[in-house]
PDB file of N, CA and C in Angstrom:
ATOM      1  N   MET A   1      -9.154  12.079  -8.141  1.00  0.00           N
ATOM      2  CA  MET A   1      -9.683  11.408  -6.982  1.00  0.00           C
ATOM      3  C   MET A   1      -8.888  11.849  -5.754  1.00  0.00           C
ATOM      4  N   LYS A   2      -9.577  12.098  -4.661  1.00  0.00           N
ATOM      5  CA  LYS A   2      -8.928  12.524  -3.431  1.00  0.00           C
ATOM      6  C   LYS A   2      -8.152  11.371  -2.808  1.00  0.00           C
ATOM      7  N   GLU A   3      -7.068  11.717  -2.140  1.00  0.00           N
ATOM      8  CA  GLU A   3      -6.260  10.693  -1.481  1.00  0.00           C
ATOM      9  C   GLU A   3      -7.093   9.893  -0.479  1.00  0.00           C
ATOM     10  N   SER A   4      -7.973  10.553   0.232  1.00  0.00           N
ATOM     11  CA  SER A   4      -8.806   9.849   1.214  1.00  0.00           C
ATOM     12  C   SER A   4      -9.701   8.810   0.548  1.00  0.00           C
ATOM     13  N   THR A   5     -10.151   9.081  -0.667  1.00  0.00           N
ATOM     14  CA  THR A   5     -10.972   8.118  -1.410  1.00  0.00           C
ATOM     15  C   THR A   5     -10.126   6.921  -1.848  1.00  0.00           C
ATOM     16  N   ILE A   6      -8.908   7.183  -2.267  1.00  0.00           N
ATOM     17  CA  ILE A   6      -8.000   6.110  -2.670  1.00  0.00           C
ATOM     18  C   ILE A   6      -7.738   5.182  -1.483  1.00  0.00           C
ATOM     19  N   VAL A   7      -7.480   5.772  -0.318  1.00  0.00           N
ATOM     20  CA  VAL A   7      -7.234   4.979   0.895  1.00  0.00           C
ATOM     21  C   VAL A   7      -8.488   4.181   1.266  1.00  0.00           C
ATOM     22  N   ALA A   8      -9.651   4.815   1.178  1.00  0.00           N
ATOM     23  CA  ALA A   8     -10.911   4.122   1.491  1.00  0.00           C
ATOM     24  C   ALA A   8     -11.123   2.944   0.545  1.00  0.00           C
ATOM     25  N   ASN A   9     -10.816   3.117  -0.739  1.00  0.00           N
ATOM     26  CA  ASN A   9     -10.940   2.025  -1.714  1.00  0.00           C
ATOM     27  C   ASN A   9     -10.007   0.869  -1.366  1.00  0.00           C
ATOM     28  N   PHE A  10      -8.788   1.207  -0.937  1.00  0.00           N
ATOM     29  CA  PHE A  10      -7.835   0.188  -0.521  1.00  0.00           C
ATOM     30  C   PHE A  10      -8.409  -0.640   0.630  1.00  0.00           C
ATOM     31  N   PHE A  11      -8.918   0.042   1.641  1.00  0.00           N
ATOM     32  CA  PHE A  11      -9.446  -0.669   2.802  1.00  0.00           C
ATOM     33  C   PHE A  11     -10.729  -1.440   2.471  1.00  0.00           C
ATOM     34  N   GLU A  12     -11.483  -0.975   1.513  1.00  0.00           N
ATOM     35  CA  GLU A  12     -12.663  -1.717   1.055  1.00  0.00           C
ATOM     36  C   GLU A  12     -12.234  -3.067   0.478  1.00  0.00           C
ATOM     37  N   ASP A  13     -11.179  -3.054  -0.338  1.00  0.00           N
ATOM     38  CA  ASP A  13     -10.667  -4.300  -0.912  1.00  0.00           C
ATOM     39  C   ASP A  13     -10.070  -5.206   0.165  1.00  0.00           C
ATOM     40  N   ILE A  14      -9.339  -4.635   1.120  1.00  0.00           N
ATOM     41  CA  ILE A  14      -8.757  -5.423   2.205  1.00  0.00           C
ATOM     42  C   ILE A  14      -9.866  -6.097   3.009  1.00  0.00           C
ATOM     43  N   LYS A  15     -10.938  -5.366   3.270  1.00  0.00           N
ATOM     44  CA  LYS A  15     -12.073  -5.920   4.016  1.00  0.00           C
ATOM     45  C   LYS A  15     -12.677  -7.119   3.270  1.00  0.00           C
ATOM     46  N   LYS A  16     -12.813  -7.011   1.954  1.00  0.00           N
ATOM     47  CA  LYS A  16     -13.339  -8.120   1.147  1.00  0.00           C
ATOM     48  C   LYS A  16     -12.413  -9.332   1.219  1.00  0.00           C
ATOM     49  N   LEU A  17     -11.119  -9.097   1.154  1.00  0.00           N
ATOM     50  CA  LEU A  17     -10.164 -10.192   1.214  1.00  0.00           C
ATOM     51  C   LEU A  17     -10.207 -10.887   2.577  1.00  0.00           C
ATOM     52  N   ARG A  18     -10.311 -10.104   3.645  1.00  0.00           N
ATOM     53  CA  ARG A  18     -10.401 -10.686   4.991  1.00  0.00           C
ATOM     54  C   ARG A  18     -11.677 -11.504   5.135  1.00  0.00           C
ATOM     55  N   ALA A  19     -12.771 -10.989   4.586  1.00  0.00           N
ATOM     56  CA  ALA A  19     -14.046 -11.712   4.651  1.00  0.00           C
ATOM     57  C   ALA A  19     -13.962 -13.039   3.892  1.00  0.00           C
ATOM     58  N   ALA A  20     -13.104 -13.094   2.884  1.00  0.00           N
ATOM     59  CA  ALA A  20     -12.924 -14.309   2.092  1.00  0.00           C
ATOM     60  C   ALA A  20     -11.906 -15.264   2.727  1.00  0.00           C
ATOM     61  N   GLY A  21     -11.373 -14.887   3.881  1.00  0.00           N
ATOM     62  CA  GLY A  21     -10.464 -15.770   4.594  1.00  0.00           C
ATOM     63  C   GLY A  21      -8.986 -15.472   4.452  1.00  0.00           C
ATOM     64  N   GLU A  22      -8.635 -14.426   3.705  1.00  0.00           N
ATOM     65  CA  GLU A  22      -7.211 -14.068   3.576  1.00  0.00           C
ATOM     66  C   GLU A  22      -6.708 -13.535   4.916  1.00  0.00           C
ATOM     67  N   ARG A  23      -5.512 -13.953   5.274  1.00  0.00           N
ATOM     68  CA  ARG A  23      -4.905 -13.505   6.527  1.00  0.00           C
ATOM     69  C   ARG A  23      -4.058 -12.273   6.244  1.00  0.00           C
ATOM     70  N   ILE A  24      -4.732 -11.132   6.225  1.00  0.00           N
ATOM     71  CA  ILE A  24      -4.098  -9.856   5.902  1.00  0.00           C
ATOM     72  C   ILE A  24      -4.617  -8.816   6.879  1.00  0.00           C
ATOM     73  N   LYS A  25      -3.755  -7.939   7.342  1.00  0.00           N
ATOM     74  CA  LYS A  25      -4.152  -6.912   8.299  1.00  0.00           C
ATOM     75  C   LYS A  25      -3.424  -5.619   7.973  1.00  0.00           C
ATOM     76  N   PHE A  26      -4.182  -4.545   7.810  1.00  0.00           N
ATOM     77  CA  PHE A  26      -3.619  -3.218   7.576  1.00  0.00           C
ATOM     78  C   PHE A  26      -4.305  -2.215   8.482  1.00  0.00           C
ATOM     79  N   ILE A  27      -3.575  -1.185   8.865  1.00  0.00           N
ATOM     80  CA  ILE A  27      -4.144  -0.092   9.648  1.00  0.00           C
ATOM     81  C   ILE A  27      -3.790   1.234   9.003  1.00  0.00           C
ATOM     82  N   LYS A  28      -4.631   2.222   9.236  1.00  0.00           N
ATOM     83  CA  LYS A  28      -4.409   3.591   8.766  1.00  0.00           C
ATOM     84  C   LYS A  28      -3.605   4.318   9.823  1.00  0.00           C
ATOM     85  N   ILE A  29      -2.566   5.004   9.411  1.00  0.00           N
ATOM     86  CA  ILE A  29      -1.780   5.836  10.321  1.00  0.00           C
ATOM     87  C   ILE A  29      -2.304   7.263  10.179  1.00  0.00           C
ATOM     88  N   HIS A  30      -2.928   7.760  11.219  1.00  0.00           N
ATOM     89  CA  HIS A  30      -3.519   9.097  11.158  1.00  0.00           C
ATOM     90  C   HIS A  30      -2.445  10.148  11.398  1.00  0.00           C
ATOM     91  N   GLY A  31      -2.482  11.183  10.587  1.00  0.00           N
ATOM     92  CA  GLY A  31      -1.487  12.248  10.684  1.00  0.00           C
ATOM     93  C   GLY A  31      -1.576  13.005  12.000  1.00  0.00           C
ATOM     94  N   GLY A  32      -0.463  13.503  12.433  1.00  0.00           N
ATOM     95  CA  GLY A  32      -0.416  14.267  13.673  1.00  0.00           C
ATOM     96  C   GLY A  32       1.012  14.627  14.016  1.00  0.00           C
ATOM     97  N   GLN A  33       1.161  15.249  15.159  1.00  0.00           N
ATOM     98  CA  GLN A  33       2.464  15.726  15.604  1.00  0.00           C
ATOM     99  C   GLN A  33       3.504  14.609  15.664  1.00  0.00           C
ATOM    100  N   TRP A  34       3.108  13.409  16.072  1.00  0.00           N
ATOM    101  CA  TRP A  34       4.069  12.326  16.282  1.00  0.00           C
ATOM    102  C   TRP A  34       4.190  11.390  15.078  1.00  0.00           C
ATOM    103  N   THR A  35       3.385  11.625  14.050  1.00  0.00           N
ATOM    104  CA  THR A  35       3.411  10.712  12.911  1.00  0.00           C
ATOM    105  C   THR A  35       3.812  11.398  11.607  1.00  0.00           C
ATOM    106  N   SER A  36       4.338  12.578  11.677  1.00  0.00           N
ATOM    107  CA  SER A  36       4.718  13.319  10.484  1.00  0.00           C
ATOM    108  C   SER A  36       5.691  12.504   9.630  1.00  0.00           C
ATOM    109  N   GLY A  37       5.346  12.350   8.359  1.00  0.00           N
ATOM    110  CA  GLY A  37       6.208  11.637   7.427  1.00  0.00           C
ATOM    111  C   GLY A  37       5.970  10.144   7.369  1.00  0.00           C
ATOM    112  N   GLN A  38       5.222   9.608   8.323  1.00  0.00           N
ATOM    113  CA  GLN A  38       4.963   8.164   8.309  1.00  0.00           C
ATOM    114  C   GLN A  38       4.029   7.807   7.153  1.00  0.00           C
ATOM    115  N   PRO A  39       4.106   6.583   6.654  1.00  0.00           N
ATOM    116  CA  PRO A  39       3.230   6.160   5.556  1.00  0.00           C
ATOM    117  C   PRO A  39       1.757   6.226   5.966  1.00  0.00           C
ATOM    118  N   ASP A  40       0.881   6.266   4.972  1.00  0.00           N
ATOM    119  CA  ASP A  40      -0.555   6.325   5.244  1.00  0.00           C
ATOM    120  C   ASP A  40      -1.081   5.051   5.881  1.00  0.00           C
ATOM    121  N   VAL A  41      -0.595   3.906   5.404  1.00  0.00           N
ATOM    122  CA  VAL A  41      -1.052   2.630   5.946  1.00  0.00           C
ATOM    123  C   VAL A  41       0.129   1.695   6.130  1.00  0.00           C
ATOM    124  N   MET A  42      -0.035   0.773   7.070  1.00  0.00           N
ATOM    125  CA  MET A  42       0.950  -0.268   7.259  1.00  0.00           C
ATOM    126  C   MET A  42       0.223  -1.542   7.630  1.00  0.00           C
ATOM    127  N   GLY A  43       0.832  -2.651   7.246  1.00  0.00           N
ATOM    128  CA  GLY A  43       0.189  -3.909   7.548  1.00  0.00           C
ATOM    129  C   GLY A  43       1.058  -5.089   7.206  1.00  0.00           C
ATOM    130  N   CYS A  44       0.434  -6.261   7.313  1.00  0.00           N
ATOM    131  CA  CYS A  44       1.164  -7.499   7.142  1.00  0.00           C
ATOM    132  C   CYS A  44       0.324  -8.490   6.337  1.00  0.00           C
ATOM    133  N   TYR A  45       1.002  -9.233   5.478  1.00  0.00           N
ATOM    134  CA  TYR A  45       0.391 -10.329   4.739  1.00  0.00           C
ATOM    135  C   TYR A  45       1.419 -11.451   4.663  1.00  0.00           C
ATOM    136  N   GLU A  46       1.021 -12.628   5.108  1.00  0.00           N
ATOM    137  CA  GLU A  46       1.885 -13.809   5.113  1.00  0.00           C
ATOM    138  C   GLU A  46       3.238 -13.532   5.768  1.00  0.00           C
ATOM    139  N   GLY A  47       3.211 -12.822   6.882  1.00  0.00           N
ATOM    140  CA  GLY A  47       4.419 -12.579   7.652  1.00  0.00           C
ATOM    141  C   GLY A  47       5.341 -11.501   7.113  1.00  0.00           C
ATOM    142  N   HIS A  48       4.898 -10.793   6.086  1.00  0.00           N
ATOM    143  CA  HIS A  48       5.734  -9.731   5.515  1.00  0.00           C
ATOM    144  C   HIS A  48       5.074  -8.378   5.742  1.00  0.00           C
ATOM    145  N   MET A  49       5.880  -7.399   6.121  1.00  0.00           N
ATOM    146  CA  MET A  49       5.413  -6.047   6.421  1.00  0.00           C
ATOM    147  C   MET A  49       5.364  -5.198   5.154  1.00  0.00           C
ATOM    148  N   TYR A  50       4.269  -4.432   5.030  1.00  0.00           N
ATOM    149  CA  TYR A  50       4.089  -3.490   3.919  1.00  0.00           C
ATOM    150  C   TYR A  50       3.765  -2.123   4.492  1.00  0.00           C
ATOM    151  N   VAL A  51       4.367  -1.088   3.922  1.00  0.00           N
ATOM    152  CA  VAL A  51       4.018   0.287   4.258  1.00  0.00           C
ATOM    153  C   VAL A  51       3.720   1.008   2.950  1.00  0.00           C
ATOM    154  N   ILE A  52       2.616   1.755   2.947  1.00  0.00           N
ATOM    155  CA  ILE A  52       2.164   2.371   1.697  1.00  0.00           C
ATOM    156  C   ILE A  52       1.824   3.836   1.931  1.00  0.00           C
ATOM    157  N   GLU A  53       2.354   4.666   1.078  1.00  0.00           N
ATOM    158  CA  GLU A  53       1.998   6.083   1.022  1.00  0.00           C
ATOM    159  C   GLU A  53       1.143   6.258  -0.218  1.00  0.00           C
ATOM    160  N   PHE A  54      -0.069   6.754  -0.036  1.00  0.00           N
ATOM    161  CA  PHE A  54      -0.964   6.992  -1.167  1.00  0.00           C
ATOM    162  C   PHE A  54      -0.909   8.458  -1.569  1.00  0.00           C
ATOM    163  N   LYS A  55      -0.974   8.694  -2.860  1.00  0.00           N
ATOM    164  CA  LYS A  55      -1.001  10.053  -3.413  1.00  0.00           C
ATOM    165  C   LYS A  55      -2.058  10.122  -4.500  1.00  0.00           C
ATOM    166  N   ASN A  56      -2.681  11.304  -4.633  1.00  0.00           N
ATOM    167  CA  ASN A  56      -3.638  11.486  -5.737  1.00  0.00           C
ATOM    168  C   ASN A  56      -2.859  11.684  -7.036  1.00  0.00           C
ATOM    169  N   GLU A  57      -3.569  12.000  -8.103  1.00  0.00           N
ATOM    170  CA  GLU A  57      -2.952  12.083  -9.436  1.00  0.00           C
ATOM    171  C   GLU A  57      -1.781  13.055  -9.509  1.00  0.00           C
ATOM    172  N   THR A  58      -1.828  14.132  -8.719  1.00  0.00           N
ATOM    173  CA  THR A  58      -0.787  15.154  -8.801  1.00  0.00           C
ATOM    174  C   THR A  58       0.103  15.197  -7.564  1.00  0.00           C
ATOM    175  N   GLY A  59      -0.228  14.407  -6.546  1.00  0.00           N
ATOM    176  CA  GLY A  59       0.523  14.460  -5.290  1.00  0.00           C
ATOM    177  C   GLY A  59       1.925  13.893  -5.416  1.00  0.00           C
ATOM    178  N   ARG A  60       2.804  14.423  -4.607  1.00  0.00           N
ATOM    179  CA  ARG A  60       4.191  13.958  -4.564  1.00  0.00           C
ATOM    180  C   ARG A  60       4.567  13.718  -3.114  1.00  0.00           C
ATOM    181  N   ALA A  61       5.376  12.692  -2.902  1.00  0.00           N
ATOM    182  CA  ALA A  61       5.864  12.411  -1.554  1.00  0.00           C
ATOM    183  C   ALA A  61       6.819  13.514  -1.120  1.00  0.00           C
ATOM    184  N   THR A  62       6.720  13.882   0.147  1.00  0.00           N
ATOM    185  CA  THR A  62       7.653  14.859   0.696  1.00  0.00           C
ATOM    186  C   THR A  62       8.993  14.169   0.939  1.00  0.00           C
ATOM    187  N   LYS A  63      10.016  14.948   1.136  1.00  0.00           N
ATOM    188  CA  LYS A  63      11.332  14.397   1.438  1.00  0.00           C
ATOM    189  C   LYS A  63      11.251  13.549   2.707  1.00  0.00           C
ATOM    190  N   ARG A  64      10.537  14.041   3.692  1.00  0.00           N
ATOM    191  CA  ARG A  64      10.389  13.311   4.953  1.00  0.00           C
ATOM    192  C   ARG A  64       9.707  11.956   4.730  1.00  0.00           C
ATOM    193  N   GLN A  65       8.676  11.944   3.872  1.00  0.00           N
ATOM    194  CA  GLN A  65       7.993  10.685   3.562  1.00  0.00           C
ATOM    195  C   GLN A  65       8.924   9.725   2.832  1.00  0.00           C
ATOM    196  N   GLU A  66       9.700  10.230   1.889  1.00  0.00           N
ATOM    197  CA  GLU A  66      10.650   9.383   1.165  1.00  0.00           C
ATOM    198  C   GLU A  66      11.682   8.784   2.114  1.00  0.00           C
ATOM    199  N   VAL A  67      12.162   9.593   3.065  1.00  0.00           N
ATOM    200  CA  VAL A  67      13.136   9.100   4.050  1.00  0.00           C
ATOM    201  C   VAL A  67      12.503   7.994   4.889  1.00  0.00           C
ATOM    202  N   GLN A  68      11.268   8.211   5.346  1.00  0.00           N
ATOM    203  CA  GLN A  68      10.588   7.194   6.154  1.00  0.00           C
ATOM    204  C   GLN A  68      10.401   5.893   5.366  1.00  0.00           C
ATOM    205  N   LEU A  69       9.978   6.000   4.109  1.00  0.00           N
ATOM    206  CA  LEU A  69       9.794   4.806   3.281  1.00  0.00           C
ATOM    207  C   LEU A  69      11.121   4.065   3.091  1.00  0.00           C
ATOM    208  N   ASP A  70      12.204   4.811   2.881  1.00  0.00           N
ATOM    209  CA  ASP A  70      13.527   4.197   2.746  1.00  0.00           C
ATOM    210  C   ASP A  70      13.926   3.479   4.038  1.00  0.00           C
ATOM    211  N   GLU A  71      13.633   4.104   5.176  1.00  0.00           N
ATOM    212  CA  GLU A  71      13.968   3.476   6.453  1.00  0.00           C
ATOM    213  C   GLU A  71      13.187   2.177   6.650  1.00  0.00           C
ATOM    214  N   TRP A  72      11.900   2.185   6.291  1.00  0.00           N
ATOM    215  CA  TRP A  72      11.098   0.954   6.385  1.00  0.00           C
ATOM    216  C   TRP A  72      11.665  -0.107   5.440  1.00  0.00           C
ATOM    217  N   SER A  73      12.050   0.288   4.233  1.00  0.00           N
ATOM    218  CA  SER A  73      12.631  -0.671   3.290  1.00  0.00           C
ATOM    219  C   SER A  73      13.914  -1.273   3.842  1.00  0.00           C
ATOM    220  N   ASN A  74      14.705  -0.444   4.516  1.00  0.00           N
ATOM    221  CA  ASN A  74      15.965  -0.926   5.081  1.00  0.00           C
ATOM    222  C   ASN A  74      15.754  -1.945   6.193  1.00  0.00           C
ATOM    223  N   THR A  75      14.559  -1.994   6.769  1.00  0.00           N
ATOM    224  CA  THR A  75      14.265  -3.000   7.798  1.00  0.00           C
ATOM    225  C   THR A  75      13.762  -4.303   7.185  1.00  0.00           C
ATOM    226  N   GLY A  76      13.513  -4.293   5.876  1.00  0.00           N
ATOM    227  CA  GLY A  76      13.002  -5.479   5.212  1.00  0.00           C
ATOM    228  C   GLY A  76      11.555  -5.366   4.778  1.00  0.00           C
ATOM    229  N   ALA A  77      10.886  -4.284   5.138  1.00  0.00           N
ATOM    230  CA  ALA A  77       9.500  -4.078   4.712  1.00  0.00           C
ATOM    231  C   ALA A  77       9.458  -3.704   3.229  1.00  0.00           C
ATOM    232  N   THR A  78       8.323  -3.946   2.610  1.00  0.00           N
ATOM    233  CA  THR A  78       8.097  -3.473   1.254  1.00  0.00           C
ATOM    234  C   THR A  78       7.425  -2.119   1.364  1.00  0.00           C
ATOM    235  N   SER A  79       8.047  -1.101   0.796  1.00  0.00           N
ATOM    236  CA  SER A  79       7.528   0.269   0.835  1.00  0.00           C
ATOM    237  C   SER A  79       7.044   0.663  -0.541  1.00  0.00           C
ATOM    238  N   MET A  80       5.879   1.302  -0.587  1.00  0.00           N
ATOM    239  CA  MET A  80       5.312   1.688  -1.872  1.00  0.00           C
ATOM    240  C   MET A  80       4.702   3.081  -1.805  1.00  0.00           C
ATOM    241  N   ILE A  81       4.782   3.786  -2.918  1.00  0.00           N
ATOM    242  CA  ILE A  81       4.006   5.002  -3.133  1.00  0.00           C
ATOM    243  C   ILE A  81       3.038   4.653  -4.250  1.00  0.00           C
ATOM    244  N   MET A  82       1.738   4.748  -3.965  1.00  0.00           N
ATOM    245  CA  MET A  82       0.729   4.301  -4.914  1.00  0.00           C
ATOM    246  C   MET A  82      -0.321   5.386  -5.134  1.00  0.00           C
ATOM    247  N   ARG A  83      -0.905   5.369  -6.330  1.00  0.00           N
ATOM    248  CA  ARG A  83      -1.958   6.315  -6.691  1.00  0.00           C
ATOM    249  C   ARG A  83      -3.318   5.630  -6.818  1.00  0.00           C
ATOM    250  N   ASP A  84      -3.386   4.345  -6.505  1.00  0.00           N
ATOM    251  CA  ASP A  84      -4.616   3.588  -6.696  1.00  0.00           C
ATOM    252  C   ASP A  84      -4.699   2.496  -5.624  1.00  0.00           C
ATOM    253  N   GLY A  85      -5.831   2.413  -4.940  1.00  0.00           N
ATOM    254  CA  GLY A  85      -5.996   1.422  -3.891  1.00  0.00           C
ATOM    255  C   GLY A  85      -5.941   0.002  -4.405  1.00  0.00           C
ATOM    256  N   ARG A  86      -6.618  -0.273  -5.501  1.00  0.00           N
ATOM    257  CA  ARG A  86      -6.629  -1.624  -6.064  1.00  0.00           C
ATOM    258  C   ARG A  86      -5.236  -2.020  -6.537  1.00  0.00           C
ATOM    259  N   ALA A  87      -4.509  -1.090  -7.154  1.00  0.00           N
ATOM    260  CA  ALA A  87      -3.145  -1.389  -7.597  1.00  0.00           C
ATOM    261  C   ALA A  87      -2.259  -1.743  -6.410  1.00  0.00           C
ATOM    262  N   ALA A  88      -2.468  -1.093  -5.275  1.00  0.00           N
ATOM    263  CA  ALA A  88      -1.692  -1.409  -4.075  1.00  0.00           C
ATOM    264  C   ALA A  88      -2.001  -2.819  -3.593  1.00  0.00           C
ATOM    265  N   VAL A  89      -3.289  -3.183  -3.585  1.00  0.00           N
ATOM    266  CA  VAL A  89      -3.688  -4.534  -3.174  1.00  0.00           C
ATOM    267  C   VAL A  89      -3.045  -5.571  -4.092  1.00  0.00           C
ATOM    268  N   LEU A  90      -3.080  -5.315  -5.381  1.00  0.00           N
ATOM    269  CA  LEU A  90      -2.523  -6.272  -6.348  1.00  0.00           C
ATOM    270  C   LEU A  90      -0.992  -6.302  -6.324  1.00  0.00           C
ATOM    271  N   ALA A  91      -0.360  -5.221  -5.860  1.00  0.00           N
ATOM    272  CA  ALA A  91       1.093  -5.227  -5.696  1.00  0.00           C
ATOM    273  C   ALA A  91       1.482  -6.150  -4.539  1.00  0.00           C
ATOM    274  N   ILE A  92       0.596  -6.286  -3.557  1.00  0.00           N
ATOM    275  CA  ILE A  92       0.838  -7.196  -2.438  1.00  0.00           C
ATOM    276  C   ILE A  92       0.720  -8.643  -2.910  1.00  0.00           C
ATOM    277  N   ASN A  93      -0.312  -8.925  -3.707  1.00  0.00           N
ATOM    278  CA  ASN A  93      -0.486 -10.274  -4.252  1.00  0.00           C
ATOM    279  C   ASN A  93      -1.215 -10.192  -5.590  1.00  0.00           C
ATOM    280  N   PRO A  94      -0.490 -10.282  -6.697  1.00  0.00           N
ATOM    281  CA  PRO A  94      -1.116 -10.189  -8.026  1.00  0.00           C
ATOM    282  C   PRO A  94      -2.186 -11.254  -8.279  1.00  0.00           C
ATOM    283  N   GLU A  95      -2.121 -12.382  -7.574  1.00  0.00           N
ATOM    284  CA  GLU A  95      -3.112 -13.440  -7.764  1.00  0.00           C
ATOM    285  C   GLU A  95      -4.518 -13.008  -7.349  1.00  0.00           C
ATOM    286  N   TRP A  96      -4.624 -11.953  -6.587  1.00  0.00           N
ATOM    287  CA  TRP A  96      -5.937 -11.465  -6.165  1.00  0.00           C
ATOM    288  C   TRP A  96      -6.707 -10.807  -7.302  1.00  0.00           C
ATOM    289  N   GLU A  97      -6.078 -10.592  -8.443  1.00  0.00           N
ATOM    290  CA  GLU A  97      -6.768  -9.968  -9.580  1.00  0.00           C
ATOM    291  C   GLU A  97      -8.054 -10.723  -9.907  1.00  0.00           C
ATOM    292  N   SER A  98      -8.021 -12.043  -9.825  1.00  0.00           N
ATOM    293  CA  SER A  98      -9.217 -12.837 -10.134  1.00  0.00           C
ATOM    294  C   SER A  98     -10.304 -12.679  -9.079  1.00  0.00           C
ATOM    295  N   PHE A  99      -9.926 -12.210  -7.898  1.00  0.00           N
ATOM    296  CA  PHE A  99     -10.897 -11.990  -6.831  1.00  0.00           C
ATOM    297  C   PHE A  99     -11.771 -10.766  -7.108  1.00  0.00           C
ATOM    298  N   PHE A 100     -11.234  -9.822  -7.859  1.00  0.00           N
ATOM    299  CA  PHE A 100     -11.928  -8.576  -8.168  1.00  0.00           C
ATOM    300  C   PHE A 100     -12.278  -8.573  -9.658  1.00  0.00           C
ATOM    301  N   PRO A 101     -13.490  -9.010 -10.028  1.00  0.00           N
ATOM    302  CA  PRO A 101     -13.841  -9.170 -11.439  1.00  0.00           C
ATOM    303  C   PRO A 101     -13.869  -7.871 -12.243  1.00  0.00           C
ATOM    304  N   THR A 102     -14.208  -6.767 -11.609  1.00  0.00           N
ATOM    305  CA  THR A 102     -14.230  -5.489 -12.337  1.00  0.00           C
ATOM    306  C   THR A 102     -13.310  -4.515 -11.647  1.00  0.00           C
ATOM    307  N   ARG A 103     -12.708  -3.694 -12.442  1.00  0.00           N
ATOM    308  CA  ARG A 103     -11.767  -2.711 -11.910  1.00  0.00           C
ATOM    309  C   ARG A 103     -12.467  -1.379 -11.717  1.00  0.00           C
ATOM    310  N   ARG A 104     -12.282  -0.804 -10.528  1.00  0.00           N
ATOM    311  CA  ARG A 104     -12.807   0.532 -10.274  1.00  0.00           C
ATOM    312  C   ARG A 104     -12.090   1.539 -11.152  1.00  0.00           C
ATOM    313  N   LYS A 105     -12.796   2.571 -11.566  1.00  0.00           N
ATOM    314  CA  LYS A 105     -12.155   3.657 -12.311  1.00  0.00           C
ATOM    315  C   LYS A 105     -11.411   4.512 -11.296  1.00  0.00           C
ATOM    316  N   SER A 106     -10.122   4.694 -11.544  1.00  0.00           N
ATOM    317  CA  SER A 106      -9.321   5.478 -10.621  1.00  0.00           C
ATOM    318  C   SER A 106      -8.071   5.967 -11.321  1.00  0.00           C
ATOM    319  N   GLY A 107      -7.178   6.548 -10.546  1.00  0.00           N
ATOM    320  CA  GLY A 107      -5.968   7.136 -11.104  1.00  0.00           C
ATOM    321  C   GLY A 107      -4.985   6.089 -11.592  1.00  0.00           C
ATOM    322  N   ALA A 108      -3.858   6.571 -12.081  1.00  0.00           N
ATOM    323  CA  ALA A 108      -2.814   5.693 -12.618  1.00  0.00           C
ATOM    324  C   ALA A 108      -2.262   4.793 -11.526  1.00  0.00           C
ATOM    325  N   ALA A 109      -1.696   3.701 -11.922  1.00  0.00           N
ATOM    326  CA  ALA A 109      -1.106   2.751 -10.976  1.00  0.00           C
ATOM    327  C   ALA A 109       0.081   3.401 -10.262  1.00  0.00           C
ATOM    328  N   GLY A 110       0.621   2.707  -9.304  1.00  0.00           N
ATOM    329  CA  GLY A 110       1.682   3.238  -8.461  1.00  0.00           C
ATOM    330  C   GLY A 110       2.846   3.824  -9.228  1.00  0.00           C
ATOM    331  N   ARG A 111       3.343   4.926  -8.734  1.00  0.00           N
ATOM    332  CA  ARG A 111       4.448   5.617  -9.375  1.00  0.00           C
ATOM    333  C   ARG A 111       5.768   4.977  -9.006  1.00  0.00           C
ATOM    334  N   THR A 112       5.896   4.577  -7.766  1.00  0.00           N
ATOM    335  CA  THR A 112       7.156   4.052  -7.292  1.00  0.00           C
ATOM    336  C   THR A 112       6.897   2.845  -6.407  1.00  0.00           C
ATOM    337  N   GLN A 113       7.690   1.833  -6.550  1.00  0.00           N
ATOM    338  CA  GLN A 113       7.618   0.683  -5.653  1.00  0.00           C
ATOM    339  C   GLN A 113       9.037   0.301  -5.298  1.00  0.00           C
ATOM    340  N   VAL A 114       9.336   0.318  -4.025  1.00  0.00           N
ATOM    341  CA  VAL A 114      10.664  -0.038  -3.552  1.00  0.00           C
ATOM    342  C   VAL A 114      10.555  -1.408  -2.906  1.00  0.00           C
ATOM    343  N   ILE A 115      11.297  -2.371  -3.422  1.00  0.00           N
ATOM    344  CA  ILE A 115      11.253  -3.722  -2.892  1.00  0.00           C
ATOM    345  C   ILE A 115      12.651  -4.089  -2.416  1.00  0.00           C
ATOM    346  N   PRO A 116      12.779  -4.458  -1.145  1.00  0.00           N
ATOM    347  CA  PRO A 116      14.105  -4.831  -0.654  1.00  0.00           C
ATOM    348  C   PRO A 116      14.645  -6.042  -1.407  1.00  0.00           C
ATOM    349  N   GLU A 117      15.966  -6.101  -1.537  1.00  0.00           N
ATOM    350  CA  GLU A 117      16.594  -7.184  -2.286  1.00  0.00           C
ATOM    351  C   GLU A 117      16.235  -8.550  -1.717  1.00  0.00           C
ATOM    352  N   SER A 118      15.986  -8.621  -0.413  1.00  0.00           N
ATOM    353  CA  SER A 118      15.708  -9.904   0.216  1.00  0.00           C
ATOM    354  C   SER A 118      14.284 -10.392  -0.058  1.00  0.00           C
ATOM    355  N   PHE A 119      13.439  -9.549  -0.635  1.00  0.00           N
ATOM    356  CA  PHE A 119      12.061  -9.930  -0.882  1.00  0.00           C
ATOM    357  C   PHE A 119      11.936 -10.571  -2.248  1.00  0.00           C
ATOM    358  N   ASP A 120      11.466 -11.809  -2.276  1.00  0.00           N
ATOM    359  CA  ASP A 120      11.317 -12.572  -3.497  1.00  0.00           C
ATOM    360  C   ASP A 120       9.890 -12.450  -3.985  1.00  0.00           C
ATOM    361  N   LEU A 121       9.675 -11.734  -5.097  1.00  0.00           N
ATOM    362  CA  LEU A 121       8.328 -11.542  -5.617  1.00  0.00           C
ATOM    363  C   LEU A 121       7.673 -12.852  -6.022  1.00  0.00           C
ATOM    364  N   GLU A 122       8.455 -13.799  -6.440  1.00  0.00           N
ATOM    365  CA  GLU A 122       7.882 -15.066  -6.892  1.00  0.00           C
ATOM    366  C   GLU A 122       7.413 -15.913  -5.702  1.00  0.00           C
ATOM    367  N   GLY A 123       8.201 -15.940  -4.653  1.00  0.00           N
ATOM    368  CA  GLY A 123       7.874 -16.828  -3.551  1.00  0.00           C
ATOM    369  C   GLY A 123       7.414 -16.133  -2.290  1.00  0.00           C
ATOM    370  N   GLY A 124       7.521 -14.775  -2.233  1.00  0.00           N
ATOM    371  CA  GLY A 124       7.078 -14.044  -1.038  1.00  0.00           C
ATOM    372  C   GLY A 124       8.119 -14.010  -0.057  1.00  0.00           C
TER     373      GLY A 124
END
């Protein structure tokens, strides 16, 4: 699956969650001269910042991307490298699994997830 399709699937799920009343906001960071190495998407849910780099089945993060993700993590954001849009959504809030009754066929779940020590997965 192409990375652009994975990102589109992620935003499709985010749109459904927003329509259902979830207070979540994400934006796509478009590549260019001033955004080299920045994550593909960034957003917020319940006052917490998330930055996500999506990769297809064989893609690998560049050194520059890894450095950027580490820098975001050092600010308190949750940084992730994911291979599946739905897996990224569920990494933000696993309780949303019941919101999506069927799982799209896609690549393997996220390869790496960096969570700052101050982030409590149980309580957010």
